[in-house]
Amino acid sequence: MKFLVITTIKDFEKEVTSLLHEAGIAIFSVTETVGHKDHKNNPMLDNWFSHGEAKFDSLFIFSFTLATQAERAMELVRQFNQKQAGAFPVHTFVMPVEKWNP
């Protein structure tokens, strides 16, 4: 089992939801959040919420899913980011789930 996490601006909610369904992930949660970015230099986060001091309506999407579905979702998001080539890439993370209670 994997824990799939996606962060995106709210404008891409429909597209990301569609990518999840295409990856075979039918159960996921969505939480609204506000992304902030200031002028402090942090190379790892340079792409996170564009540039300058601003706030962005964003989403935190997550799902506990099979490894194959998580990998498929990551690939679909990578393809989406290549096509849209904008200032707000969709970010994905996959983390292992070592234990769980059904």
Protein backbone atom coordinates (compact mmCIF):
# COMPACT_ATOMS: atom_id res chain seq x y z
CA MET A 1 0.00 0.00 0.00
CA LYS A 2 1.16 3.55 -0.79
CA PHE A 3 0.18 7.00 0.38
CA LEU A 4 -0.19 9.23 -2.68
CA VAL A 5 -0.12 12.98 -2.11
CA ILE A 6 -0.83 15.60 -4.74
CA THR A 7 -0.65 19.37 -4.39
CA THR A 8 -2.07 21.65 -7.04
CA ILE A 9 -3.71 25.01 -7.55
CA LYS A 10 -7.49 24.88 -7.31
CA ASP A 11 -7.83 25.68 -11.03
CA PHE A 12 -6.55 22.18 -11.86
CA GLU A 13 -8.98 20.26 -9.65
CA LYS A 14 -10.98 18.81 -12.54
CA GLU A 15 -7.89 17.76 -14.46
CA VAL A 16 -6.22 16.11 -11.46
CA THR A 17 -9.43 14.30 -10.51
CA SER A 18 -9.61 12.98 -14.06
CA LEU A 19 -5.99 11.80 -13.87
CA LEU A 20 -6.73 9.94 -10.63
CA HIS A 21 -9.67 8.15 -12.23
CA GLU A 22 -7.51 7.30 -15.25
CA ALA A 23 -4.93 5.80 -12.87
CA GLY A 24 -7.64 3.61 -11.33
CA ILE A 25 -7.89 5.60 -8.10
CA ALA A 26 -11.56 6.06 -7.28
CA ILE A 27 -11.25 6.89 -3.57
CA PHE A 28 -9.33 10.00 -2.49
CA SER A 29 -9.66 13.02 -0.25
CA VAL A 30 -9.40 16.70 -1.14
CA THR A 31 -8.56 19.48 1.29
CA GLU A 32 -8.48 23.15 0.39
CA THR A 33 -5.41 25.07 1.47
CA VAL A 34 -3.70 28.38 0.77
CA GLY A 35 -0.16 28.30 -0.58
CA HIS A 36 2.18 31.15 0.33
CA LYS A 37 5.43 32.24 -1.25
CA ASP A 38 7.74 35.07 -0.29
CA HIS A 39 11.04 36.30 -1.67
CA LYS A 40 13.27 34.14 0.55
CA ASN A 41 15.62 32.03 -1.50
CA ASN A 42 14.92 28.32 -1.16
CA PRO A 43 16.01 26.48 -4.35
CA MET A 44 14.00 23.35 -3.54
CA LEU A 45 10.78 25.36 -3.35
CA ASP A 46 11.41 27.80 -6.21
CA ASN A 47 8.71 26.15 -8.32
CA TRP A 48 6.19 25.51 -5.61
CA PHE A 49 3.75 28.44 -5.85
CA SER A 50 5.33 30.61 -8.56
CA HIS A 51 7.34 33.71 -7.65
CA GLY A 52 6.82 36.77 -5.49
CA GLU A 53 4.85 37.34 -2.34
CA ALA A 54 1.44 35.93 -3.06
CA LYS A 55 -1.28 33.57 -1.90
CA PHE A 56 -2.74 30.83 -4.06
CA ASP A 57 -5.93 28.83 -3.59
CA SER A 58 -4.61 25.30 -3.62
CA LEU A 59 -5.61 21.71 -3.00
CA PHE A 60 -4.05 18.90 -1.03
CA ILE A 61 -5.27 15.60 -2.50
CA PHE A 62 -4.38 12.24 -1.00
CA SER A 63 -5.21 8.58 -1.31
CA PHE A 64 -4.14 5.27 0.17
CA THR A 65 -3.74 3.11 -2.90
CA LEU A 66 -1.86 0.27 -4.56
CA ALA A 67 1.71 0.86 -5.71
CA THR A 68 0.82 0.35 -9.38
CA GLN A 69 -1.96 2.95 -9.20
CA ALA A 70 0.28 5.44 -7.39
CA GLU A 71 3.00 5.03 -10.02
CA ARG A 72 0.45 5.43 -12.82
CA ALA A 73 -0.87 8.62 -11.21
CA MET A 74 2.66 10.02 -10.94
CA GLU A 75 3.30 9.31 -14.61
CA LEU A 76 0.01 10.93 -15.66
CA VAL A 77 0.81 14.03 -13.58
CA ARG A 78 4.28 14.19 -15.15
CA GLN A 79 2.70 14.11 -18.62
CA PHE A 80 0.14 16.75 -17.58
CA ASN A 81 2.90 19.06 -16.32
CA GLN A 82 4.82 18.68 -19.58
CA LYS A 83 1.76 19.63 -21.63
CA GLN A 84 0.60 22.59 -19.54
CA ALA A 85 4.14 24.01 -19.02
CA GLY A 86 2.86 26.73 -16.71
CA ALA A 87 4.10 28.41 -13.56
CA PHE A 88 2.03 26.08 -11.35
CA PRO A 89 3.10 22.47 -11.79
CA VAL A 90 1.17 19.74 -10.04
CA HIS A 91 3.35 18.03 -7.40
CA THR A 92 3.09 14.35 -6.48
CA PHE A 93 4.66 12.29 -3.72
CA VAL A 94 4.42 8.61 -2.92
CA MET A 95 5.22 7.31 0.54
CA PRO A 96 5.17 3.72 1.77
CA VAL A 97 2.57 2.65 4.31
CA GLU A 98 4.23 0.16 6.62
CA LYS A 99 1.24 -0.77 8.78
CA TRP A 100 -2.48 -0.17 8.82
CA ASN A 101 -5.65 -1.34 10.50
CA PRO A 102 -8.58 -2.10 8.21
